[in-house]
Amino acid sequence: MASLGELERSVMSILWDDSEALSANELRGRLGDGPAVTTVLTVLSRLEKKGMVVRDRGLRPHRYSPAASREEHTVDLLNEVLGTAGDRQAVLTRFIGGVSDSEAAALRRILQEG
């Protein structure tokens, strides 16, 4: 899983929060007083190469949408981290030890249903 820079994370957050694909200009507008549209296009190109966004070439201007949901991306990151852990159980134990009571209850429900 490719790591994301600050601007890439901002772009992905906007794409994940929106229900429709966005153009580079629309993204630039949502980023506020930030980068030029050429910079946004460069970031989108990098995200596309990383498999994070999908570009609709059938429209002009091109529109971009996330290749996977925020939740799917987070699961991929968690699996990557667990895959590199020498002791997966120790990592899971520390993670679970840091969750709130309501999150622990949700985990129990999920494990009982699964």
N, C-alpha and C. Protein backbone atom coordinates (compact mmCIF):
# COMPACT_ATOMS: atom_id res chain seq x y z
N MET A 1 0.86 -1.17 0.00
CA MET A 1 0.00 0.00 0.00
C MET A 1 0.90 1.23 0.00
N ALA A 2 0.64 2.12 -0.91
CA ALA A 2 1.45 3.32 -1.03
C ALA A 2 1.14 4.29 0.10
N SER A 3 2.19 4.94 0.59
CA SER A 3 1.96 5.96 1.61
C SER A 3 1.52 7.25 0.91
N LEU A 4 0.79 8.07 1.64
CA LEU A 4 0.24 9.29 1.07
C LEU A 4 0.85 10.50 1.74
N GLY A 5 1.17 11.51 0.92
CA GLY A 5 1.64 12.78 1.43
C GLY A 5 0.46 13.60 1.94
N GLU A 6 0.77 14.76 2.50
CA GLU A 6 -0.27 15.59 3.10
C GLU A 6 -1.32 16.04 2.09
N LEU A 7 -0.90 16.52 0.92
CA LEU A 7 -1.85 16.96 -0.10
C LEU A 7 -2.63 15.78 -0.66
N GLU A 8 -1.97 14.65 -0.82
CA GLU A 8 -2.67 13.45 -1.30
C GLU A 8 -3.75 13.04 -0.31
N ARG A 9 -3.44 13.09 0.98
CA ARG A 9 -4.44 12.75 2.01
C ARG A 9 -5.61 13.72 1.96
N SER A 10 -5.33 15.00 1.76
CA SER A 10 -6.40 16.00 1.68
C SER A 10 -7.30 15.73 0.48
N VAL A 11 -6.70 15.44 -0.66
CA VAL A 11 -7.48 15.15 -1.87
C VAL A 11 -8.32 13.90 -1.66
N MET A 12 -7.72 12.86 -1.09
CA MET A 12 -8.48 11.62 -0.86
C MET A 12 -9.63 11.86 0.11
N SER A 13 -9.39 12.65 1.14
CA SER A 13 -10.45 12.93 2.11
C SER A 13 -11.64 13.61 1.43
N ILE A 14 -11.36 14.55 0.56
CA ILE A 14 -12.43 15.23 -0.18
C ILE A 14 -13.17 14.24 -1.07
N LEU A 15 -12.43 13.41 -1.79
CA LEU A 15 -13.06 12.44 -2.69
C LEU A 15 -13.90 11.43 -1.91
N TRP A 16 -13.39 10.98 -0.76
CA TRP A 16 -14.14 10.03 0.05
C TRP A 16 -15.41 10.65 0.62
N ASP A 17 -15.35 11.93 0.95
CA ASP A 17 -16.51 12.60 1.55
C ASP A 17 -17.58 12.97 0.53
N ASP A 18 -17.22 13.03 -0.75
CA ASP A 18 -18.17 13.44 -1.78
C ASP A 18 -18.79 12.22 -2.42
N SER A 19 -20.05 12.31 -2.79
CA SER A 19 -20.74 11.17 -3.40
C SER A 19 -20.58 11.12 -4.91
N GLU A 20 -20.02 12.18 -5.50
CA GLU A 20 -19.84 12.23 -6.94
C GLU A 20 -18.38 12.43 -7.29
N ALA A 21 -18.00 11.99 -8.50
CA ALA A 21 -16.66 12.22 -9.00
C ALA A 21 -16.45 13.72 -9.19
N LEU A 22 -15.22 14.17 -8.99
CA LEU A 22 -14.91 15.60 -9.05
C LEU A 22 -13.81 15.87 -10.07
N SER A 23 -13.85 17.06 -10.65
CA SER A 23 -12.78 17.50 -11.55
C SER A 23 -11.65 18.08 -10.71
N ALA A 24 -10.50 18.28 -11.34
CA ALA A 24 -9.36 18.89 -10.64
C ALA A 24 -9.72 20.29 -10.16
N ASN A 25 -10.45 21.05 -10.97
CA ASN A 25 -10.85 22.40 -10.55
C ASN A 25 -11.77 22.37 -9.35
N GLU A 26 -12.70 21.42 -9.33
CA GLU A 26 -13.60 21.30 -8.18
C GLU A 26 -12.81 20.94 -6.92
N LEU A 27 -11.87 20.02 -7.07
CA LEU A 27 -11.02 19.65 -5.94
C LEU A 27 -10.22 20.84 -5.45
N ARG A 28 -9.63 21.58 -6.37
CA ARG A 28 -8.84 22.75 -6.00
C ARG A 28 -9.70 23.73 -5.21
N GLY A 29 -10.93 23.94 -5.64
CA GLY A 29 -11.83 24.84 -4.93
C GLY A 29 -12.12 24.38 -3.52
N ARG A 30 -12.21 23.08 -3.32
CA ARG A 30 -12.50 22.56 -1.99
C ARG A 30 -11.28 22.53 -1.08
N LEU A 31 -10.10 22.65 -1.69
CA LEU A 31 -8.87 22.68 -0.89
C LEU A 31 -8.61 24.06 -0.30
N GLY A 32 -9.39 25.06 -0.70
CA GLY A 32 -9.22 26.40 -0.17
C GLY A 32 -8.08 27.13 -0.83
N ASP A 33 -7.41 27.99 -0.08
CA ASP A 33 -6.28 28.77 -0.62
C ASP A 33 -5.05 27.88 -0.71
N GLY A 34 -5.15 26.90 -1.53
CA GLY A 34 -4.07 25.93 -1.61
C GLY A 34 -3.36 25.94 -2.94
N PRO A 35 -3.16 24.78 -3.46
CA PRO A 35 -2.32 24.61 -4.64
C PRO A 35 -3.01 25.06 -5.94
N ALA A 36 -2.18 25.25 -6.95
CA ALA A 36 -2.68 25.56 -8.28
C ALA A 36 -3.33 24.30 -8.86
N VAL A 37 -4.18 24.48 -9.85
CA VAL A 37 -4.86 23.34 -10.46
C VAL A 37 -3.85 22.37 -11.08
N THR A 38 -2.72 22.88 -11.58
CA THR A 38 -1.70 21.99 -12.15
C THR A 38 -1.12 21.08 -11.07
N THR A 39 -0.97 21.61 -9.87
CA THR A 39 -0.48 20.80 -8.75
C THR A 39 -1.51 19.73 -8.39
N VAL A 40 -2.78 20.09 -8.38
CA VAL A 40 -3.85 19.13 -8.08
C VAL A 40 -3.85 18.03 -9.15
N LEU A 41 -3.67 18.41 -10.41
CA LEU A 41 -3.61 17.41 -11.49
C LEU A 41 -2.42 16.47 -11.30
N THR A 42 -1.29 17.00 -10.87
CA THR A 42 -0.12 16.16 -10.61
C THR A 42 -0.41 15.18 -9.47
N VAL A 43 -1.03 15.67 -8.42
CA VAL A 43 -1.38 14.81 -7.28
C VAL A 43 -2.36 13.73 -7.74
N LEU A 44 -3.35 14.10 -8.52
CA LEU A 44 -4.32 13.12 -9.01
C LEU A 44 -3.64 12.07 -9.89
N SER A 45 -2.69 12.48 -10.70
CA SER A 45 -1.95 11.54 -11.53
C SER A 45 -1.18 10.54 -10.67
N ARG A 46 -0.54 11.05 -9.62
CA ARG A 46 0.19 10.17 -8.70
C ARG A 46 -0.76 9.21 -7.99
N LEU A 47 -1.90 9.73 -7.54
CA LEU A 47 -2.88 8.87 -6.86
C LEU A 47 -3.43 7.81 -7.81
N GLU A 48 -3.58 8.16 -9.06
CA GLU A 48 -4.05 7.18 -10.05
C GLU A 48 -3.00 6.08 -10.23
N LYS A 49 -1.73 6.45 -10.31
CA LYS A 49 -0.65 5.46 -10.44
C LYS A 49 -0.57 4.55 -9.22
N LYS A 50 -0.91 5.10 -8.05
CA LYS A 50 -0.90 4.32 -6.80
C LYS A 50 -2.16 3.45 -6.66
N GLY A 51 -3.10 3.61 -7.60
CA GLY A 51 -4.33 2.82 -7.53
C GLY A 51 -5.36 3.37 -6.57
N MET A 52 -5.19 4.62 -6.16
CA MET A 52 -6.09 5.22 -5.18
C MET A 52 -7.30 5.90 -5.81
N VAL A 53 -7.16 6.42 -7.03
CA VAL A 53 -8.27 7.09 -7.71
C VAL A 53 -8.48 6.49 -9.09
N VAL A 54 -9.69 6.68 -9.56
CA VAL A 54 -10.07 6.26 -10.91
C VAL A 54 -10.44 7.52 -11.68
N ARG A 55 -9.90 7.64 -12.88
CA ARG A 55 -10.19 8.81 -13.71
C ARG A 55 -11.19 8.42 -14.78
N ASP A 56 -12.26 9.19 -14.90
CA ASP A 56 -13.25 9.00 -15.96
C ASP A 56 -12.80 9.83 -17.15
N ARG A 57 -12.25 9.15 -18.16
CA ARG A 57 -11.73 9.83 -19.34
C ARG A 57 -12.82 10.14 -20.34
N GLY A 58 -14.03 9.66 -20.09
CA GLY A 58 -15.13 9.88 -21.01
C GLY A 58 -15.74 11.26 -20.90
N LEU A 59 -15.36 11.99 -19.88
CA LEU A 59 -15.90 13.33 -19.66
C LEU A 59 -14.78 14.36 -19.74
N ARG A 60 -15.14 15.56 -20.13
CA ARG A 60 -14.21 16.69 -20.11
C ARG A 60 -14.80 17.77 -19.25
N PRO A 61 -14.14 18.29 -18.26
CA PRO A 61 -12.83 17.81 -17.82
C PRO A 61 -12.95 16.43 -17.16
N HIS A 62 -11.82 15.72 -17.11
CA HIS A 62 -11.82 14.40 -16.47
C HIS A 62 -12.31 14.53 -15.04
N ARG A 63 -12.98 13.48 -14.59
CA ARG A 63 -13.51 13.47 -13.23
C ARG A 63 -12.86 12.30 -12.49
N TYR A 64 -12.64 12.51 -11.21
CA TYR A 64 -11.91 11.55 -10.39
C TYR A 64 -12.77 11.09 -9.23
N SER A 65 -12.64 9.81 -8.93
CA SER A 65 -13.34 9.24 -7.79
C SER A 65 -12.40 8.24 -7.10
N PRO A 66 -12.66 7.95 -5.84
CA PRO A 66 -11.79 7.00 -5.13
C PRO A 66 -11.95 5.60 -5.70
N ALA A 67 -10.85 4.87 -5.77
CA ALA A 67 -10.88 3.49 -6.26
C ALA A 67 -11.47 2.56 -5.21
N ALA A 68 -11.39 2.94 -3.96
CA ALA A 68 -11.94 2.15 -2.85
C ALA A 68 -12.45 3.11 -1.78
N SER A 69 -13.31 2.62 -0.93
CA SER A 69 -13.84 3.46 0.15
C SER A 69 -12.74 3.73 1.18
N ARG A 70 -12.98 4.72 2.01
CA ARG A 70 -12.06 5.04 3.10
C ARG A 70 -11.88 3.81 4.00
N GLU A 71 -12.98 3.10 4.26
CA GLU A 71 -12.93 1.92 5.13
C GLU A 71 -12.09 0.81 4.49
N GLU A 72 -12.26 0.59 3.19
CA GLU A 72 -11.46 -0.43 2.51
C GLU A 72 -9.98 -0.06 2.54
N HIS A 73 -9.68 1.21 2.34
CA HIS A 73 -8.29 1.67 2.39
C HIS A 73 -7.71 1.45 3.79
N THR A 74 -8.48 1.75 4.81
CA THR A 74 -8.02 1.57 6.18
C THR A 74 -7.75 0.10 6.48
N VAL A 75 -8.63 -0.77 6.00
CA VAL A 75 -8.43 -2.22 6.18
C VAL A 75 -7.15 -2.66 5.49
N ASP A 76 -6.90 -2.15 4.28
CA ASP A 76 -5.66 -2.49 3.56
C ASP A 76 -4.43 -2.06 4.36
N LEU A 77 -4.50 -0.86 4.95
CA LEU A 77 -3.38 -0.38 5.77
C LEU A 77 -3.17 -1.26 7.00
N LEU A 78 -4.28 -1.61 7.66
CA LEU A 78 -4.17 -2.48 8.85
C LEU A 78 -3.59 -3.84 8.49
N ASN A 79 -4.04 -4.40 7.38
CA ASN A 79 -3.51 -5.70 6.94
C ASN A 79 -2.03 -5.60 6.58
N GLU A 80 -1.63 -4.48 5.99
CA GLU A 80 -0.22 -4.29 5.65
C GLU A 80 0.63 -4.23 6.92
N VAL A 81 0.16 -3.48 7.90
CA VAL A 81 0.90 -3.35 9.15
C VAL A 81 0.96 -4.71 9.85
N LEU A 82 -0.16 -5.40 9.92
CA LEU A 82 -0.15 -6.72 10.57
C LEU A 82 0.74 -7.70 9.82
N GLY A 83 0.81 -7.55 8.51
CA GLY A 83 1.66 -8.43 7.70
C GLY A 83 3.14 -8.26 7.98
N THR A 84 3.52 -7.08 8.44
CA THR A 84 4.94 -6.83 8.73
C THR A 84 5.28 -7.06 10.20
N ALA A 85 4.27 -7.31 11.02
CA ALA A 85 4.50 -7.50 12.46
C ALA A 85 5.12 -8.86 12.72
N GLY A 86 6.11 -8.86 13.58
CA GLY A 86 6.71 -10.12 13.98
C GLY A 86 5.77 -10.95 14.83
N ASP A 87 4.99 -10.29 15.65
CA ASP A 87 4.05 -10.97 16.54
C ASP A 87 2.68 -10.31 16.36
N ARG A 88 1.89 -10.85 15.46
CA ARG A 88 0.57 -10.28 15.15
C ARG A 88 -0.32 -10.23 16.38
N GLN A 89 -0.28 -11.26 17.20
CA GLN A 89 -1.13 -11.30 18.39
C GLN A 89 -0.78 -10.16 19.35
N ALA A 90 0.51 -9.87 19.50
CA ALA A 90 0.92 -8.78 20.38
C ALA A 90 0.40 -7.44 19.85
N VAL A 91 0.45 -7.25 18.54
CA VAL A 91 -0.04 -6.01 17.93
C VAL A 91 -1.55 -5.90 18.15
N LEU A 92 -2.27 -6.99 17.90
CA LEU A 92 -3.72 -6.97 18.09
C LEU A 92 -4.09 -6.73 19.54
N THR A 93 -3.33 -7.34 20.45
CA THR A 93 -3.60 -7.16 21.88
C THR A 93 -3.42 -5.70 22.28
N ARG A 94 -2.37 -5.07 21.80
CA ARG A 94 -2.14 -3.65 22.13
C ARG A 94 -3.21 -2.77 21.50
N PHE A 95 -3.61 -3.10 20.27
CA PHE A 95 -4.65 -2.32 19.60
C PHE A 95 -5.96 -2.42 20.37
N ILE A 96 -6.36 -3.63 20.68
CA ILE A 96 -7.64 -3.84 21.37
C ILE A 96 -7.61 -3.21 22.76
N GLY A 97 -6.44 -3.21 23.39
CA GLY A 97 -6.31 -2.59 24.70
C GLY A 97 -6.52 -1.09 24.67
N GLY A 98 -6.44 -0.48 23.50
CA GLY A 98 -6.59 0.96 23.39
C GLY A 98 -7.94 1.43 22.89
N VAL A 99 -8.87 0.50 22.67
CA VAL A 99 -10.18 0.91 22.16
C VAL A 99 -11.09 1.30 23.31
N SER A 100 -12.09 2.09 22.98
CA SER A 100 -13.06 2.53 24.00
C SER A 100 -13.99 1.37 24.35
N ASP A 101 -14.77 1.55 25.41
CA ASP A 101 -15.73 0.52 25.83
C ASP A 101 -16.75 0.24 24.73
N SER A 102 -17.23 1.29 24.06
CA SER A 102 -18.22 1.07 22.99
C SER A 102 -17.60 0.37 21.80
N GLU A 103 -16.34 0.68 21.48
CA GLU A 103 -15.66 -0.02 20.38
C GLU A 103 -15.41 -1.48 20.75
N ALA A 104 -15.07 -1.74 22.01
CA ALA A 104 -14.87 -3.13 22.46
C ALA A 104 -16.18 -3.91 22.36
N ALA A 105 -17.29 -3.27 22.73
CA ALA A 105 -18.59 -3.94 22.61
C ALA A 105 -18.91 -4.23 21.15
N ALA A 106 -18.59 -3.31 20.26
CA ALA A 106 -18.81 -3.53 18.82
C ALA A 106 -17.95 -4.69 18.33
N LEU A 107 -16.70 -4.76 18.79
CA LEU A 107 -15.83 -5.88 18.40
C LEU A 107 -16.40 -7.22 18.88
N ARG A 108 -16.90 -7.24 20.11
CA ARG A 108 -17.50 -8.48 20.62
C ARG A 108 -18.69 -8.93 19.76
N ARG A 109 -19.55 -7.96 19.41
CA ARG A 109 -20.71 -8.26 18.55
C ARG A 109 -20.26 -8.81 17.20
N ILE A 110 -19.27 -8.17 16.61
CA ILE A 110 -18.77 -8.60 15.30
C ILE A 110 -18.21 -10.02 15.39
N LEU A 111 -17.44 -10.30 16.43
CA LEU A 111 -16.84 -11.63 16.57
C LEU A 111 -17.91 -12.69 16.85
N GLN A 112 -18.96 -12.34 17.58
CA GLN A 112 -20.03 -13.30 17.85
C GLN A 112 -20.84 -13.58 16.60
N GLU A 113 -21.04 -12.57 15.75
CA GLU A 113 -21.83 -12.75 14.53
C GLU A 113 -21.05 -13.49 13.45
N GLY A 114 -19.70 -13.33 13.48
CA GLY A 114 -18.86 -13.90 12.43
C GLY A 114 -18.57 -15.30 12.68
